């Protein structure tokens, strides 16, 4: 039984970006928040028996084999990675991103929302919005 076992091919990928860890360490002295983001998505997929693969942001050549790419707390992306993700979506793929995805380039410089790759897909980040009523 085990000799003939082959796992289902993954159609879901979780994106890992080392630049995130460097940026988090430079800003906060810890990369725990980035680690917890990846860990949370990976645990949820395992819990629901959904096969997944980790992909690294600097090696995105073969994305067409996935249907979904999860981009957990990725605030720093290279221009090349952004181009590959835009191409993936335009070719019919789906990405799940959190707010401020790609808010910093790989050198750690801030990008305004209109300069981020999501804008190329017609997604406008509204950022923080004021509350409708005063807080008591």
C-alpha atoms as a PDB file:
ATOM      1  CA  UNK A   1       0.000   0.000   0.000  1.00  0.00           C
ATOM      2  CA  UNK A   2       2.685   2.496   0.981  1.00  0.00           C
ATOM      3  CA  UNK A   3       4.972   1.541  -1.904  1.00  0.00           C
ATOM      4  CA  UNK A   4       2.310   2.647  -4.384  1.00  0.00           C
ATOM      5  CA  UNK A   5       1.281   5.811  -2.563  1.00  0.00           C
ATOM      6  CA  UNK A   6       1.794   9.148  -4.284  1.00  0.00           C
ATOM      7  CA  UNK A   7       0.439  12.327  -2.730  1.00  0.00           C
ATOM      8  CA  UNK A   8      -2.018  14.489  -4.629  1.00  0.00           C
ATOM      9  CA  UNK A   9      -0.326  17.171  -6.654  1.00  0.00           C
ATOM     10  CA  UNK A  10      -0.585  20.525  -4.969  1.00  0.00           C
ATOM     11  CA  UNK A  11      -2.670  23.239  -6.606  1.00  0.00           C
ATOM     12  CA  UNK A  12      -2.124  25.660  -3.727  1.00  0.00           C
ATOM     13  CA  UNK A  13       1.132  27.467  -3.004  1.00  0.00           C
ATOM     14  CA  UNK A  14       2.221  29.567  -0.051  1.00  0.00           C
ATOM     15  CA  UNK A  15       4.648  32.315  -0.996  1.00  0.00           C
ATOM     16  CA  UNK A  16       7.748  32.794   1.142  1.00  0.00           C
ATOM     17  CA  UNK A  17       9.669  36.042   0.733  1.00  0.00           C
ATOM     18  CA  UNK A  18      13.035  36.315   2.522  1.00  0.00           C
ATOM     19  CA  UNK A  19      12.903  40.089   2.038  1.00  0.00           C
ATOM     20  CA  UNK A  20       9.987  40.144   4.484  1.00  0.00           C
ATOM     21  CA  UNK A  21      12.101  38.630   7.203  1.00  0.00           C
ATOM     22  CA  UNK A  22      14.951  41.073   6.585  1.00  0.00           C
ATOM     23  CA  UNK A  23      12.564  44.039   6.673  1.00  0.00           C
ATOM     24  CA  UNK A  24      10.761  42.822   9.801  1.00  0.00           C
ATOM     25  CA  UNK A  25      14.059  42.243  11.575  1.00  0.00           C
ATOM     26  CA  UNK A  26      15.306  45.701  10.600  1.00  0.00           C
ATOM     27  CA  UNK A  27      12.075  47.376  11.761  1.00  0.00           C
ATOM     28  CA  UNK A  28      11.150  45.346  14.845  1.00  0.00           C
ATOM     29  CA  UNK A  29      14.177  43.241  15.769  1.00  0.00           C
ATOM     30  CA  UNK A  30      12.037  40.130  15.237  1.00  0.00           C
ATOM     31  CA  UNK A  31      10.500  38.234  12.333  1.00  0.00           C
ATOM     32  CA  UNK A  32       7.952  36.343  14.467  1.00  0.00           C
ATOM     33  CA  UNK A  33       4.981  38.116  12.850  1.00  0.00           C
ATOM     34  CA  UNK A  34       6.088  36.933   9.414  1.00  0.00           C
ATOM     35  CA  UNK A  35       6.684  33.397  10.679  1.00  0.00           C
ATOM     36  CA  UNK A  36       3.256  33.262  12.320  1.00  0.00           C
ATOM     37  CA  UNK A  37       1.552  34.351   9.102  1.00  0.00           C
ATOM     38  CA  UNK A  38       3.070  31.521   7.072  1.00  0.00           C
ATOM     39  CA  UNK A  39       2.550  29.060   9.905  1.00  0.00           C
ATOM     40  CA  UNK A  40      -1.132  29.955  10.230  1.00  0.00           C
ATOM     41  CA  UNK A  41      -1.946  29.377   6.565  1.00  0.00           C
ATOM     42  CA  UNK A  42       0.111  26.172   6.437  1.00  0.00           C
ATOM     43  CA  UNK A  43      -1.625  24.770   9.517  1.00  0.00           C
ATOM     44  CA  UNK A  44      -5.069  25.622   8.134  1.00  0.00           C
ATOM     45  CA  UNK A  45      -4.320  23.827   4.873  1.00  0.00           C
ATOM     46  CA  UNK A  46      -2.957  20.767   6.669  1.00  0.00           C
ATOM     47  CA  UNK A  47      -5.955  20.704   9.018  1.00  0.00           C
ATOM     48  CA  UNK A  48      -8.272  20.562   6.007  1.00  0.00           C
ATOM     49  CA  UNK A  49      -6.102  18.025   4.130  1.00  0.00           C
ATOM     50  CA  UNK A  50      -5.351  20.460   1.301  1.00  0.00           C
ATOM     51  CA  UNK A  51      -1.969  19.692  -0.289  1.00  0.00           C
ATOM     52  CA  UNK A  52       0.207  22.762  -0.586  1.00  0.00           C
ATOM     53  CA  UNK A  53       3.673  23.748  -1.688  1.00  0.00           C
ATOM     54  CA  UNK A  54       5.947  26.513  -0.469  1.00  0.00           C
ATOM     55  CA  UNK A  55       7.377  28.734  -3.185  1.00  0.00           C
ATOM     56  CA  UNK A  56      10.101  31.328  -2.786  1.00  0.00           C
ATOM     57  CA  UNK A  57       9.574  34.841  -4.144  1.00  0.00           C
ATOM     58  CA  UNK A  58      12.797  34.780  -6.172  1.00  0.00           C
ATOM     59  CA  UNK A  59      11.940  31.544  -7.975  1.00  0.00           C
ATOM     60  CA  UNK A  60       8.495  31.976  -9.520  1.00  0.00           C
ATOM     61  CA  UNK A  61       9.088  30.480 -12.965  1.00  0.00           C
ATOM     62  CA  UNK A  62       6.517  27.661 -12.840  1.00  0.00           C
ATOM     63  CA  UNK A  63       3.371  29.235 -11.369  1.00  0.00           C
ATOM     64  CA  UNK A  64       0.939  27.938 -13.975  1.00  0.00           C
ATOM     65  CA  UNK A  65       0.636  24.591 -12.163  1.00  0.00           C
ATOM     66  CA  UNK A  66      -1.167  26.290  -9.252  1.00  0.00           C
ATOM     67  CA  UNK A  67      -4.732  27.529  -8.973  1.00  0.00           C
ATOM     68  CA  UNK A  68      -4.215  29.550  -5.790  1.00  0.00           C
ATOM     69  CA  UNK A  69      -1.205  31.349  -4.361  1.00  0.00           C
ATOM     70  CA  UNK A  70      -1.447  32.515  -0.767  1.00  0.00           C
ATOM     71  CA  UNK A  71       0.698  35.573  -0.076  1.00  0.00           C
ATOM     72  CA  UNK A  72       0.784  35.796   3.754  1.00  0.00           C
ATOM     73  CA  UNK A  73       1.890  39.108   5.250  1.00  0.00           C
ATOM     74  CA  UNK A  74       4.223  39.786   2.340  1.00  0.00           C
ATOM     75  CA  UNK A  75       4.911  43.495   2.695  1.00  0.00           C
ATOM     76  CA  UNK A  76       8.160  43.361   0.721  1.00  0.00           C
ATOM     77  CA  UNK A  77       8.347  42.088  -2.854  1.00  0.00           C
ATOM     78  CA  UNK A  78      10.783  42.492  -5.698  1.00  0.00           C
ATOM     79  CA  UNK A  79       9.559  44.021  -8.951  1.00  0.00           C
ATOM     80  CA  UNK A  80      10.157  40.689 -10.686  1.00  0.00           C
ATOM     81  CA  UNK A  81       7.989  38.797  -8.169  1.00  0.00           C
ATOM     82  CA  UNK A  82       5.220  41.340  -8.600  1.00  0.00           C
ATOM     83  CA  UNK A  83       5.348  40.937 -12.386  1.00  0.00           C
ATOM     84  CA  UNK A  84       5.101  37.149 -12.050  1.00  0.00           C
ATOM     85  CA  UNK A  85       2.109  37.409  -9.696  1.00  0.00           C
ATOM     86  CA  UNK A  86       0.310  39.835 -12.028  1.00  0.00           C
ATOM     87  CA  UNK A  87       0.962  37.464 -14.945  1.00  0.00           C
ATOM     88  CA  UNK A  88      -0.361  34.541 -12.857  1.00  0.00           C
ATOM     89  CA  UNK A  89      -3.626  36.370 -12.129  1.00  0.00           C
ATOM     90  CA  UNK A  90      -4.054  37.532 -15.721  1.00  0.00           C
ATOM     91  CA  UNK A  91      -3.639  33.900 -16.827  1.00  0.00           C
ATOM     92  CA  UNK A  92      -6.570  32.851 -14.612  1.00  0.00           C
ATOM     93  CA  UNK A  93      -4.887  32.164 -11.269  1.00  0.00           C
ATOM     94  CA  UNK A  94      -6.077  33.465  -7.919  1.00  0.00           C
ATOM     95  CA  UNK A  95      -3.978  35.093  -5.220  1.00  0.00           C
ATOM     96  CA  UNK A  96      -4.997  35.637  -1.629  1.00  0.00           C
ATOM     97  CA  UNK A  97      -3.207  38.654  -0.202  1.00  0.00           C
ATOM     98  CA  UNK A  98      -3.314  40.595   3.012  1.00  0.00           C
ATOM     99  CA  UNK A  99      -3.319  44.370   3.242  1.00  0.00           C
ATOM    100  CA  UNK A 100      -0.170  46.276   2.329  1.00  0.00           C
ATOM    101  CA  UNK A 101       1.066  43.458   0.098  1.00  0.00           C
ATOM    102  CA  UNK A 102       4.194  44.757  -1.622  1.00  0.00           C
ATOM    103  CA  UNK A 103       4.167  47.989   0.398  1.00  0.00           C
ATOM    104  CA  UNK A 104       7.980  47.950   0.375  1.00  0.00           C
ATOM    105  CA  UNK A 105      10.403  47.133  -2.399  1.00  0.00           C
ATOM    106  CA  UNK A 106      13.266  44.681  -1.850  1.00  0.00           C
ATOM    107  CA  UNK A 107      15.494  47.528  -0.621  1.00  0.00           C
ATOM    108  CA  UNK A 108      12.990  48.426   2.108  1.00  0.00           C
ATOM    109  CA  UNK A 109      11.666  51.620   0.513  1.00  0.00           C
ATOM    110  CA  UNK A 110       7.952  52.332   0.984  1.00  0.00           C
ATOM    111  CA  UNK A 111       5.637  52.249  -2.039  1.00  0.00           C
ATOM    112  CA  UNK A 112       2.447  54.262  -2.031  1.00  0.00           C
ATOM    113  CA  UNK A 113      -0.729  52.235  -2.758  1.00  0.00           C
ATOM    114  CA  UNK A 114      -0.983  53.515  -6.337  1.00  0.00           C
ATOM    115  CA  UNK A 115       2.546  52.181  -7.006  1.00  0.00           C
ATOM    116  CA  UNK A 116       1.890  48.651  -5.713  1.00  0.00           C
ATOM    117  CA  UNK A 117       1.307  45.697  -7.997  1.00  0.00           C
ATOM    118  CA  UNK A 118      -2.300  45.222  -6.883  1.00  0.00           C
ATOM    119  CA  UNK A 119      -3.071  48.521  -8.574  1.00  0.00           C
ATOM    120  CA  UNK A 120      -2.041  46.895 -11.888  1.00  0.00           C
ATOM    121  CA  UNK A 121      -4.861  44.402 -11.324  1.00  0.00           C
ATOM    122  CA  UNK A 122      -7.411  47.132 -10.659  1.00  0.00           C
ATOM    123  CA  UNK A 123      -7.403  46.615  -6.899  1.00  0.00           C
ATOM    124  CA  UNK A 124      -7.287  49.865  -4.964  1.00  0.00           C
ATOM    125  CA  UNK A 125      -6.142  49.755  -1.370  1.00  0.00           C
ATOM    126  CA  UNK A 126      -8.094  52.192   0.739  1.00  0.00           C
ATOM    127  CA  UNK A 127      -5.766  51.933   3.695  1.00  0.00           C
ATOM    128  CA  UNK A 128      -7.005  52.875   7.107  1.00  0.00           C
ATOM    129  CA  UNK A 129     -10.418  54.444   7.043  1.00  0.00           C
ATOM    130  CA  UNK A 130     -11.894  56.801   9.636  1.00  0.00           C
ATOM    131  CA  UNK A 131     -14.624  55.421  11.864  1.00  0.00           C
ATOM    132  CA  UNK A 132     -18.170  56.406  10.908  1.00  0.00           C
ATOM    133  CA  UNK A 133     -19.068  57.499  14.430  1.00  0.00           C
ATOM    134  CA  UNK A 134     -16.979  58.940  17.249  1.00  0.00           C
ATOM    135  CA  UNK A 135     -15.479  56.430  19.646  1.00  0.00           C
ATOM    136  CA  UNK A 136     -16.694  56.869  23.210  1.00  0.00           C
END
